Amino acid sequence: MYTIEIEEVFQNTNDKLIIDVRKKEDFDIDTIEGAINIPLEEVQDRSGGLPKDKPIYLLCYTGKNSVEVCAELQRQGFDAYSIEGGFYSYMRYRIQKSEIEENQARCADIERSIIKKFRKELWSQFTKAINTYNLISDGDKIAVCISGGKDSMLMAKLFQELYRHGKQNFEVVYLVMNPGYNAINYETILGNAKLMNVPINVFTSDIFDIVANEGGSPCYLCARMRRGALYSKAKELGCNKIALGHHYDDVIETILMGMLYGGQIQTMMPMLHSTNFEGMELIRPMYLIREENIIKWMNYNKLKFINCACRLTESCASCGGTDKGSKRAEVKQYIKELREKSPYIEANIFKSVENVHLNSVIAYKDKEGVTHHFLDDYFSTGD
């Protein structure tokens, strides 16, 4: 073997000799730190002064010219190698190393902002939800589901910080499903995961192709199918829970949507048992985090996430889009207008489903779906 990859040269932290065999004027401009310059045609003549007790790496322009010299040195008993790709490979390695170091620094800043600058708004609310609703138990294996939007990517980082700074009593898999994203959105997800040091587990499905052939609005079917696919993959990986990135604003919007457009009082629960996947649960650990604080964190760190990755509509909320023109967008605007009149409106909407008095409602449904009407026992109980 006469050649060696540039990465292996730097991985070898033992004593070594790097010889730049290019012209002196090129060597003087730029070379590997610690290298000495011996022009290619002089290496064999000066081999008597070279060490045989440590590896020798030869660096030429392309990695081709030094191979023959390297072979001759090996025949003389030297542990000599030609650097594959030469100086050009070193330049690529240096650029990549610089990018990696820059990404590591950015990632450290992103992580620091969660614990320091946005501690009250993000970190504290994340841990509060977990403790308040008992979302994580000893031995859990949780599939953190990442769609590529701001909410799910922040959730992934919060889970990393929880494992780093909290009790390590659970396992996490960072799960990304590609239901048919276009190339730009898919690369954006991969790029952000790399930048933020999130070790994602990617699997593919053809959900977008399937729902494209359905009539009417595809959003409901798409959301159901994607949820099922995530449950299925998570269970295959040995998980007992999936975590979704729904936040406080999603919760209060859902409450109002149910009342205004569904004629019912219900909420988005912080934890649910799956009805179709036995032993699986869904948790929402960002339940108490305000969307405006997620946006502030995103902008502070100059991060860019996908909005709606759906090929069929640019307003699918379930894909992480703006949902412009939808019922959810209308409710979001209603809440914004109400907030301008009273700062307590949003908190009161959230608390309303925690303060339900059954003796003061006309009717309600129990866990089995049975309807109970106030007239059922009204005349038998008196006042």
Protein backbone atom coordinates (compact mmCIF):
# COMPACT_ATOMS: atom_id res chain seq x y z
CA MET A 1 0.00 0.00 0.00
CA TYR A 2 1.57 3.24 -1.19
CA THR A 3 -1.23 5.76 -0.54
CA ILE A 4 -3.08 7.09 2.48
CA GLU A 5 -6.16 9.30 2.89
CA ILE A 6 -5.62 12.81 4.27
CA GLU A 7 -7.98 12.07 7.17
CA GLU A 8 -5.76 9.19 8.30
CA VAL A 9 -2.73 11.47 8.31
CA PHE A 10 -4.38 13.75 10.87
CA GLN A 11 -5.90 10.87 12.81
CA ASN A 12 -2.38 9.60 13.45
CA THR A 13 -1.41 11.66 16.49
CA ASN A 14 1.91 9.84 16.94
CA ASP A 15 5.24 11.25 15.81
CA LYS A 16 5.34 11.52 12.01
CA LEU A 17 7.09 13.36 9.19
CA ILE A 18 5.19 15.18 6.43
CA ILE A 19 7.24 16.06 3.37
CA ASP A 20 5.82 18.56 0.89
CA VAL A 21 7.45 17.62 -2.41
CA ARG A 22 6.05 20.57 -4.40
CA LYS A 23 8.06 23.56 -5.57
CA LYS A 24 9.42 25.82 -2.83
CA GLU A 25 7.41 28.85 -4.00
CA ASP A 26 4.18 26.84 -3.63
CA PHE A 27 5.30 25.42 -0.30
CA ASP A 28 5.99 28.95 0.98
CA ILE A 29 2.46 30.06 0.05
CA ASP A 30 0.61 27.27 1.85
CA THR A 31 1.22 23.78 3.20
CA ILE A 32 0.31 21.42 6.01
CA GLU A 33 1.38 22.74 9.39
CA GLY A 34 4.65 21.12 10.46
CA ALA A 35 5.57 19.89 6.98
CA ILE A 36 9.07 20.27 5.56
CA ASN A 37 9.88 20.97 1.93
CA ILE A 38 11.96 18.57 -0.14
CA PRO A 39 11.31 18.86 -3.90
CA LEU A 40 10.17 15.59 -5.47
CA GLU A 41 13.32 15.06 -7.52
CA GLU A 42 15.51 15.41 -4.40
CA VAL A 43 13.68 13.04 -2.05
CA GLN A 44 15.54 9.86 -3.02
CA ASP A 45 18.93 11.59 -2.99
CA ARG A 46 18.28 12.87 0.53
CA SER A 47 16.71 9.66 1.84
CA GLY A 48 19.78 8.99 3.96
CA GLY A 49 18.67 11.72 6.32
CA LEU A 50 15.10 10.48 6.65
CA PRO A 51 13.91 8.56 9.75
CA LYS A 52 12.85 4.91 9.61
CA ASP A 53 11.26 4.86 13.07
CA LYS A 54 8.16 6.89 12.16
CA PRO A 55 5.78 7.17 9.19
CA ILE A 56 6.61 9.52 6.34
CA TYR A 57 3.81 11.16 4.36
CA LEU A 58 4.58 12.68 0.95
CA LEU A 59 2.45 15.59 -0.30
CA CYS A 60 2.50 16.51 -4.00
CA TYR A 61 -0.04 18.46 -6.05
CA THR A 62 -2.45 15.64 -6.95
CA GLY A 63 -1.14 12.60 -5.12
CA LYS A 64 0.08 10.88 -8.29
CA ASN A 65 3.66 12.07 -8.70
CA SER A 66 4.74 11.02 -5.21
CA VAL A 67 3.53 7.41 -5.52
CA GLU A 68 6.62 6.14 -7.37
CA VAL A 69 8.98 7.83 -4.93
CA CYS A 70 6.97 6.41 -2.08
CA ALA A 71 7.26 2.90 -3.51
CA GLU A 72 11.02 3.26 -3.74
CA LEU A 73 11.26 4.50 -0.16
CA GLN A 74 9.25 1.51 1.02
CA ARG A 75 11.68 -0.81 -0.77
CA GLN A 76 14.45 0.87 1.19
CA GLY A 77 12.67 0.10 4.46
CA PHE A 78 10.89 3.40 5.09
CA ASP A 79 7.29 3.51 6.36
CA ALA A 80 6.34 5.93 3.57
CA TYR A 81 2.99 6.83 2.01
CA SER A 82 1.73 9.18 -0.67
CA ILE A 83 -1.20 11.35 0.45
CA GLU A 84 -4.19 10.45 -1.74
CA GLY A 85 -5.35 13.45 -3.77
CA GLY A 86 -2.32 15.51 -2.80
CA PHE A 87 -2.52 19.15 -1.81
CA TYR A 88 -6.00 19.47 -3.32
CA SER A 89 -7.34 16.82 -0.95
CA TYR A 90 -5.74 18.70 1.93
CA MET A 91 -7.50 21.91 0.85
CA ARG A 92 -10.87 20.09 0.74
CA TYR A 93 -10.18 18.52 4.13
CA ARG A 94 -9.33 21.90 5.64
CA ILE A 95 -12.50 23.51 4.26
CA GLN A 96 -14.65 20.64 5.56
CA LYS A 97 -12.93 20.77 8.94
CA SER A 98 -13.53 24.51 9.12
CA GLU A 99 -17.22 24.01 8.29
CA ILE A 100 -17.51 21.30 10.93
CA GLU A 101 -15.88 23.52 13.55
CA GLU A 102 -18.13 26.43 12.57
CA ASN A 103 -21.21 24.19 12.83
CA GLN A 104 -20.06 22.91 16.21
CA ALA A 105 -19.70 26.47 17.46
CA ARG A 106 -23.15 27.41 16.13
CA CYS A 107 -24.68 24.29 17.65
CA ALA A 108 -23.12 25.14 21.01
CA ASP A 109 -24.62 28.64 20.79
CA ILE A 110 -28.04 27.20 19.92
CA GLU A 111 -27.89 24.81 22.88
CA ARG A 112 -26.67 27.56 25.20
CA SER A 113 -29.55 29.83 24.18
CA ILE A 114 -32.07 27.18 25.25
CA ILE A 115 -30.59 26.84 28.73
CA LYS A 116 -29.54 30.47 29.25
CA LYS A 117 -31.31 33.17 27.24
CA PHE A 118 -34.62 31.33 26.76
CA ARG A 119 -34.52 29.28 29.94
CA LYS A 120 -37.77 30.67 31.37
CA GLU A 121 -39.69 30.63 28.09
CA LEU A 122 -38.53 27.29 26.68
CA TRP A 123 -36.52 25.05 28.97
CA SER A 124 -38.55 25.67 32.14
CA GLN A 125 -41.87 25.24 30.33
CA PHE A 126 -40.65 22.03 28.69
CA THR A 127 -39.62 20.45 32.00
CA LYS A 128 -42.75 21.80 33.71
CA ALA A 129 -45.00 20.03 31.18
CA ILE A 130 -43.09 16.78 31.60
CA ASN A 131 -43.41 16.94 35.38
CA THR A 132 -46.98 18.27 35.48
CA TYR A 133 -48.41 15.65 33.15
CA ASN A 134 -45.98 12.83 34.02
CA LEU A 135 -44.97 12.47 30.37
CA ILE A 136 -41.78 10.43 30.90
CA SER A 137 -41.41 7.31 33.05
CA ASP A 138 -38.39 5.19 33.91
CA GLY A 139 -37.43 2.93 31.03
CA ASP A 140 -39.33 4.82 28.33
CA LYS A 141 -38.04 4.71 24.77
CA ILE A 142 -39.40 7.76 23.01
CA ALA A 143 -39.56 8.46 19.27
CA VAL A 144 -39.15 12.21 18.94
CA CYS A 145 -40.95 12.88 15.65
CA ILE A 146 -39.36 15.58 13.51
CA SER A 147 -41.26 17.12 10.61
CA GLY A 148 -38.57 19.68 9.85
CA GLY A 149 -40.47 22.70 11.16
CA LYS A 150 -39.40 25.00 14.00
CA ASP A 151 -41.48 23.23 16.66
CA SER A 152 -40.25 19.69 16.17
CA MET A 153 -36.60 20.73 15.69
CA LEU A 154 -36.69 22.70 18.95
CA MET A 155 -38.32 19.70 20.64
CA ALA A 156 -35.42 17.52 19.52
CA LYS A 157 -32.90 19.94 21.04
CA LEU A 158 -34.93 20.14 24.26
CA PHE A 159 -34.84 16.35 24.56
CA GLN A 160 -31.08 16.39 24.05
CA GLU A 161 -30.71 18.98 26.80
CA LEU A 162 -33.02 17.01 29.08
CA TYR A 163 -30.88 13.91 28.67
CA ARG A 164 -27.72 15.95 29.18
CA HIS A 165 -28.86 17.91 32.24
CA GLY A 166 -31.67 15.82 33.68
CA LYS A 167 -32.30 12.24 34.73
CA GLN A 168 -31.07 9.75 32.14
CA ASN A 169 -33.90 7.34 32.80
CA PHE A 170 -35.11 7.08 29.21
CA GLU A 171 -33.98 6.48 25.63
CA VAL A 172 -34.65 8.64 22.61
CA VAL A 173 -34.85 8.01 18.87
CA TYR A 174 -35.03 11.07 16.62
CA LEU A 175 -37.41 9.98 13.92
CA VAL A 176 -37.89 11.66 10.53
CA MET A 177 -40.39 10.35 8.04
CA ASN A 178 -40.01 11.36 4.39
CA PRO A 179 -43.55 11.04 3.00
CA GLY A 180 -42.46 12.42 -0.37
CA TYR A 181 -40.78 15.77 0.33
CA ASN A 182 -39.33 17.67 -2.58
CA ALA A 183 -35.54 17.80 -2.74
CA ILE A 184 -35.21 21.30 -1.27
CA ASN A 185 -37.31 20.55 1.81
CA TYR A 186 -35.66 17.19 2.38
CA GLU A 187 -32.17 18.69 2.16
CA THR A 188 -33.25 21.48 4.54
CA ILE A 189 -34.27 18.89 7.13
CA LEU A 190 -31.00 17.00 6.75
CA GLY A 191 -28.97 20.20 6.86
CA ASN A 192 -30.63 21.45 10.05
CA ALA A 193 -30.22 18.07 11.72
CA LYS A 194 -26.52 18.15 10.86
CA LEU A 195 -26.09 21.74 12.02
CA MET A 196 -27.91 21.11 15.28
CA ASN A 197 -26.23 17.75 15.88
CA VAL A 198 -29.46 15.76 15.98
CA PRO A 199 -28.80 12.10 15.01
CA ILE A 200 -31.95 11.51 12.96
CA ASN A 201 -33.32 8.13 11.91
CA VAL A 202 -34.95 8.59 8.48
CA PHE A 203 -37.51 6.32 6.86
CA THR A 204 -39.58 6.83 3.72
CA SER A 205 -43.22 6.36 2.80
CA ASP A 206 -45.42 7.15 -0.21
CA ILE A 207 -48.15 8.98 1.72
CA PHE A 208 -48.03 12.13 -0.42
CA ASP A 209 -48.54 10.05 -3.56
CA ILE A 210 -51.47 8.18 -1.99
CA VAL A 211 -53.37 11.22 -0.74
CA ALA A 212 -52.77 13.08 -4.02
CA ASN A 213 -55.28 10.73 -5.64
CA GLU A 214 -57.97 11.39 -3.05
CA GLY A 215 -60.74 13.89 -3.72
CA GLY A 216 -61.42 16.96 -1.60
CA SER A 217 -59.04 18.18 1.08
CA PRO A 218 -56.16 15.73 1.58
CA CYS A 219 -55.00 17.20 4.90
CA TYR A 220 -57.04 15.07 7.30
CA LEU A 221 -56.20 11.80 5.56
CA CYS A 222 -52.56 12.79 5.25
CA ALA A 223 -52.30 13.64 8.95
CA ARG A 224 -53.93 10.35 9.97
CA MET A 225 -51.70 8.30 7.69
CA ARG A 226 -48.53 10.06 8.81
CA ARG A 227 -49.47 9.57 12.46
CA GLY A 228 -50.04 5.88 11.83
CA ALA A 229 -46.75 5.52 9.98
CA LEU A 230 -44.88 7.18 12.84
CA TYR A 231 -46.51 4.89 15.40
CA SER A 232 -45.68 1.85 13.30
CA LYS A 233 -42.02 2.78 12.79
CA ALA A 234 -41.59 3.80 16.42
CA LYS A 235 -42.98 0.45 17.59
CA GLU A 236 -40.70 -1.36 15.14
CA LEU A 237 -37.73 0.45 16.77
CA GLY A 238 -38.83 -0.68 20.23
CA CYS A 239 -40.34 2.63 21.35
CA ASN A 240 -43.34 2.84 23.63
CA LYS A 241 -44.03 6.55 23.09
CA ILE A 242 -43.97 9.09 20.29
CA ALA A 243 -43.44 12.79 21.02
CA LEU A 244 -45.04 15.47 18.85
CA GLY A 245 -44.19 19.18 18.80
CA HIS A 246 -47.61 20.73 19.44
CA HIS A 247 -47.36 23.83 21.62
CA TYR A 248 -49.57 26.01 23.86
CA ASP A 249 -51.03 27.98 20.95
CA ASP A 250 -52.04 24.77 19.17
CA VAL A 251 -53.91 23.77 22.32
CA ILE A 252 -55.95 26.95 22.75
CA GLU A 253 -56.69 27.13 19.01
CA THR A 254 -57.98 23.55 19.13
CA ILE A 255 -60.26 24.39 22.07
CA LEU A 256 -61.83 27.33 20.26
CA MET A 257 -62.07 25.48 16.95
CA GLY A 258 -64.00 22.71 18.65
CA MET A 259 -66.45 25.17 20.14
CA LEU A 260 -66.89 27.47 17.13
CA TYR A 261 -66.80 24.95 14.29
CA GLY A 262 -67.42 21.59 15.94
CA GLY A 263 -70.07 22.43 18.53
CA GLN A 264 -68.14 20.64 21.26
CA ILE A 265 -65.78 21.26 24.17
CA GLN A 266 -62.55 19.32 23.89
CA THR A 267 -58.83 19.92 24.01
CA MET A 268 -55.56 18.62 22.59
CA MET A 269 -54.42 16.26 25.36
CA PRO A 270 -50.82 16.31 26.66
CA MET A 271 -50.75 12.50 26.66
CA LEU A 272 -52.85 9.85 24.93
CA HIS A 273 -53.02 6.07 24.69
CA SER A 274 -52.98 4.90 21.08
CA THR A 275 -56.20 3.19 20.06
CA ASN A 276 -54.62 1.31 17.14
CA PHE A 277 -51.14 0.49 18.47
CA GLU A 278 -51.34 -1.40 21.73
CA GLY A 279 -48.89 -0.27 24.38
CA MET A 280 -48.03 2.95 22.54
CA GLU A 281 -48.61 6.47 23.85
CA LEU A 282 -48.44 9.96 22.36
CA ILE A 283 -46.91 12.79 24.41
CA ARG A 284 -46.73 16.53 23.79
CA PRO A 285 -43.86 17.88 25.93
CA MET A 286 -44.06 21.39 24.39
CA TYR A 287 -47.61 21.73 25.70
CA LEU A 288 -46.83 24.83 27.79
CA ILE A 289 -44.47 26.61 25.36
CA ARG A 290 -45.77 29.68 23.54
CA GLU A 291 -45.28 29.81 19.78
CA GLU A 292 -44.01 33.39 19.91
CA ASN A 293 -41.10 32.23 22.08
CA ILE A 294 -40.24 29.46 19.64
CA ILE A 295 -40.11 32.09 16.88
CA LYS A 296 -37.92 34.35 19.03
CA TRP A 297 -35.50 31.46 19.63
CA MET A 298 -35.45 30.65 15.92
CA ASN A 299 -34.77 34.24 14.89
CA TYR A 300 -32.18 34.78 17.62
CA ASN A 301 -30.16 31.85 16.27
CA LYS A 302 -30.80 32.82 12.61
CA LEU A 303 -32.30 29.42 11.86
CA LYS A 304 -34.38 28.58 8.79
CA PHE A 305 -36.85 25.70 8.91
CA ILE A 306 -39.39 24.40 6.42
CA ASN A 307 -42.93 25.73 6.74
CA CYS A 308 -45.20 23.41 4.83
CA ALA A 309 -43.50 20.52 3.09
CA CYS A 310 -46.68 19.18 1.50
CA ARG A 311 -46.64 18.98 -2.30
CA LEU A 312 -50.42 19.40 -2.47
CA THR A 313 -51.02 22.58 -0.48
CA GLU A 314 -48.96 25.38 0.98
CA SER A 315 -51.32 25.81 3.92
CA CYS A 316 -51.43 22.46 5.64
CA ALA A 317 -51.07 23.07 9.38
CA SER A 318 -50.46 19.42 10.09
CA CYS A 319 -47.32 19.66 7.93
CA GLY A 320 -46.16 22.72 9.81
CA GLY A 321 -47.42 25.36 7.39
CA THR A 322 -49.13 28.68 7.93
CA ASP A 323 -52.58 27.23 7.25
CA LYS A 324 -53.51 30.56 5.64
CA GLY A 325 -57.20 30.77 4.83
CA SER A 326 -58.11 27.82 7.04
CA LYS A 327 -60.34 27.62 10.10
CA ARG A 328 -57.24 27.40 12.29
CA ALA A 329 -55.90 30.62 10.78
CA GLU A 330 -59.22 32.32 11.49
CA VAL A 331 -59.17 31.19 15.12
CA LYS A 332 -55.53 32.28 15.47
CA GLN A 333 -56.57 35.75 14.31
CA TYR A 334 -59.57 35.80 16.70
CA ILE A 335 -57.29 35.00 19.62
CA LYS A 336 -54.83 37.69 18.55
CA GLU A 337 -57.62 40.29 18.50
CA LEU A 338 -58.94 39.17 21.87
CA ARG A 339 -55.46 39.31 23.35
CA GLU A 340 -55.23 42.98 22.40
CA LYS A 341 -58.27 43.60 24.58
CA SER A 342 -57.19 41.45 27.52
CA PRO A 343 -53.85 39.76 28.30
CA TYR A 344 -55.70 37.03 30.23
CA ILE A 345 -57.75 35.69 27.31
CA GLU A 346 -55.32 32.98 26.21
CA ALA A 347 -54.69 31.67 29.71
CA ASN A 348 -58.43 31.58 30.39
CA ILE A 349 -59.06 29.58 27.20
CA PHE A 350 -56.37 27.12 28.26
CA LYS A 351 -57.73 26.80 31.81
CA SER A 352 -61.36 26.50 30.71
CA VAL A 353 -61.03 22.78 29.95
CA GLU A 354 -59.45 22.21 33.36
CA ASN A 355 -62.35 23.87 35.18
CA VAL A 356 -65.34 21.99 33.79
CA HIS A 357 -68.21 21.72 36.31
CA LEU A 358 -70.33 18.75 35.23
CA ASN A 359 -73.31 19.86 37.30
CA SER A 360 -73.50 23.09 35.32
CA VAL A 361 -73.43 21.71 31.77
CA ILE A 362 -76.41 20.50 29.76
CA ALA A 363 -74.75 17.23 28.78
CA TYR A 364 -71.40 15.51 28.58
CA LYS A 365 -69.90 12.26 27.29
CA ASP A 366 -67.97 9.87 29.50
CA LYS A 367 -64.89 7.84 28.51
CA GLU A 368 -67.06 5.20 26.85
CA GLY A 369 -68.81 7.83 24.73
CA VAL A 370 -72.09 7.56 26.63
CA THR A 371 -74.00 10.84 26.81
CA HIS A 372 -75.23 12.01 30.21
CA HIS A 373 -77.95 14.70 30.23
CA PHE A 374 -78.74 16.94 33.19
CA LEU A 375 -82.39 15.82 33.01
CA ASP A 376 -81.39 12.20 33.64
CA ASP A 377 -81.60 12.70 37.41
CA TYR A 378 -82.83 16.27 37.69
CA PHE A 379 -86.29 15.48 39.05
CA SER A 380 -85.07 12.76 41.43
CA THR A 381 -82.44 14.83 43.21
CA GLY A 382 -84.21 18.09 43.80
CA ASP A 383 -82.18 21.24 44.24
